[in-house]
Amino acid sequence: MPRAQSSPAVADSAAAVEPLPSTYEAAVQELEALLARLESGQMPLDDLLGAYQRASALLAYCRSRLEAVEQQIRVVDGQQTRPWEPGA
């Protein structure tokens, strides 16, 4: 009985399961590199969905880390939020 070949969608979803970076900075660096590849127009069509899924996962990770830090700052500031002032 012949084996069924995996479709590009299956391969793409496997790429999206790749573990996230351990730091915010590493995630941003990977996201920037991935976006450059996506925007270049040189990525094969079969790789686009997987790259988009990875970028989406990295973006969600970065947002969650920023929200966690913001929450910690609120605790340190006694639950008072203040507008960010550059250079302050």
Protein backbone atom coordinates (compact mmCIF):
# COMPACT_ATOMS: atom_id res chain seq x y z
CA MET A 1 0.00 0.00 0.00
CA PRO A 2 1.55 3.35 -1.01
CA ARG A 3 2.24 5.91 1.69
CA ALA A 4 0.35 9.15 1.57
CA GLN A 5 2.60 12.11 0.98
CA SER A 6 2.36 14.94 3.47
CA SER A 7 0.92 18.12 2.06
CA PRO A 8 2.64 21.51 2.37
CA ALA A 9 -0.02 22.50 4.92
CA VAL A 10 1.08 19.65 7.18
CA ALA A 11 4.72 20.68 6.82
CA ASP A 12 3.81 24.32 7.50
CA SER A 13 1.92 23.49 10.68
CA ALA A 14 4.91 21.49 11.89
CA ALA A 15 7.10 24.58 11.40
CA ALA A 16 4.65 26.65 13.44
CA VAL A 17 5.07 24.23 16.40
CA GLU A 18 8.76 25.12 16.64
CA PRO A 19 9.57 26.28 20.19
CA LEU A 20 9.54 30.00 20.83
CA PRO A 21 12.76 31.83 21.65
CA SER A 22 13.68 32.12 25.31
CA THR A 23 13.89 35.93 25.31
CA TYR A 24 11.89 38.83 23.94
CA GLU A 25 14.96 40.15 22.13
CA ALA A 26 15.58 36.83 20.37
CA ALA A 27 11.92 36.69 19.33
CA VAL A 28 12.07 40.22 17.90
CA GLN A 29 15.27 39.40 16.02
CA GLU A 30 13.73 36.24 14.52
CA LEU A 31 10.54 38.11 13.67
CA GLU A 32 12.45 40.88 11.90
CA ALA A 33 14.44 38.36 9.85
CA LEU A 34 11.31 36.44 8.97
CA LEU A 35 9.46 39.60 7.94
CA ALA A 36 12.38 40.62 5.72
CA ARG A 37 12.16 37.25 3.96
CA LEU A 38 8.39 37.56 3.59
CA GLU A 39 8.61 41.10 2.24
CA SER A 40 11.41 40.26 -0.19
CA GLY A 41 9.03 38.30 -2.39
CA GLN A 42 11.69 35.61 -2.80
CA MET A 43 10.10 33.02 -0.49
CA PRO A 44 8.61 30.00 -2.28
CA LEU A 45 4.83 29.89 -2.17
CA ASP A 46 4.83 26.60 -0.27
CA ASP A 47 6.79 28.24 2.56
CA LEU A 48 4.62 31.35 2.91
CA LEU A 49 1.91 29.88 5.13
CA GLY A 50 4.39 28.35 7.56
CA ALA A 51 6.35 31.60 7.71
CA TYR A 52 3.17 33.58 8.33
CA GLN A 53 2.15 31.19 11.12
CA ARG A 54 5.59 31.45 12.73
CA ALA A 55 5.51 35.25 12.50
CA SER A 56 2.07 35.26 14.10
CA ALA A 57 3.29 33.05 16.97
CA LEU A 58 6.36 35.26 17.49
CA LEU A 59 4.22 38.39 17.51
CA ALA A 60 1.84 36.90 20.07
CA TYR A 61 4.83 35.91 22.25
CA CYS A 62 6.30 39.43 22.05
CA ARG A 63 2.97 41.01 22.94
CA SER A 64 2.50 38.70 25.91
CA ARG A 65 6.01 39.50 27.22
CA LEU A 66 5.38 43.23 26.88
CA GLU A 67 2.05 42.90 28.71
CA ALA A 68 3.77 40.92 31.50
CA VAL A 69 6.41 43.61 31.95
CA GLU A 70 3.74 46.32 31.89
CA GLN A 71 1.86 44.45 34.63
CA GLN A 72 5.03 44.19 36.72
CA ILE A 73 5.63 47.93 36.33
CA ARG A 74 2.08 48.60 37.55
CA VAL A 75 2.79 46.53 40.66
CA VAL A 76 6.05 48.36 41.30
CA ASP A 77 4.31 51.72 40.79
CA GLY A 78 1.50 50.74 43.16
CA GLN A 79 -1.10 50.12 40.43
CA GLN A 80 -0.77 53.70 39.18
CA THR A 81 -0.24 54.01 35.47
CA ARG A 82 1.54 57.02 34.13
CA PRO A 83 2.12 58.03 30.55
CA TRP A 84 5.56 57.19 29.27
CA GLU A 85 7.78 60.20 28.96
CA PRO A 86 10.83 59.79 26.71
CA GLY A 87 14.07 60.73 28.42
CA ALA A 88 12.46 60.89 31.86
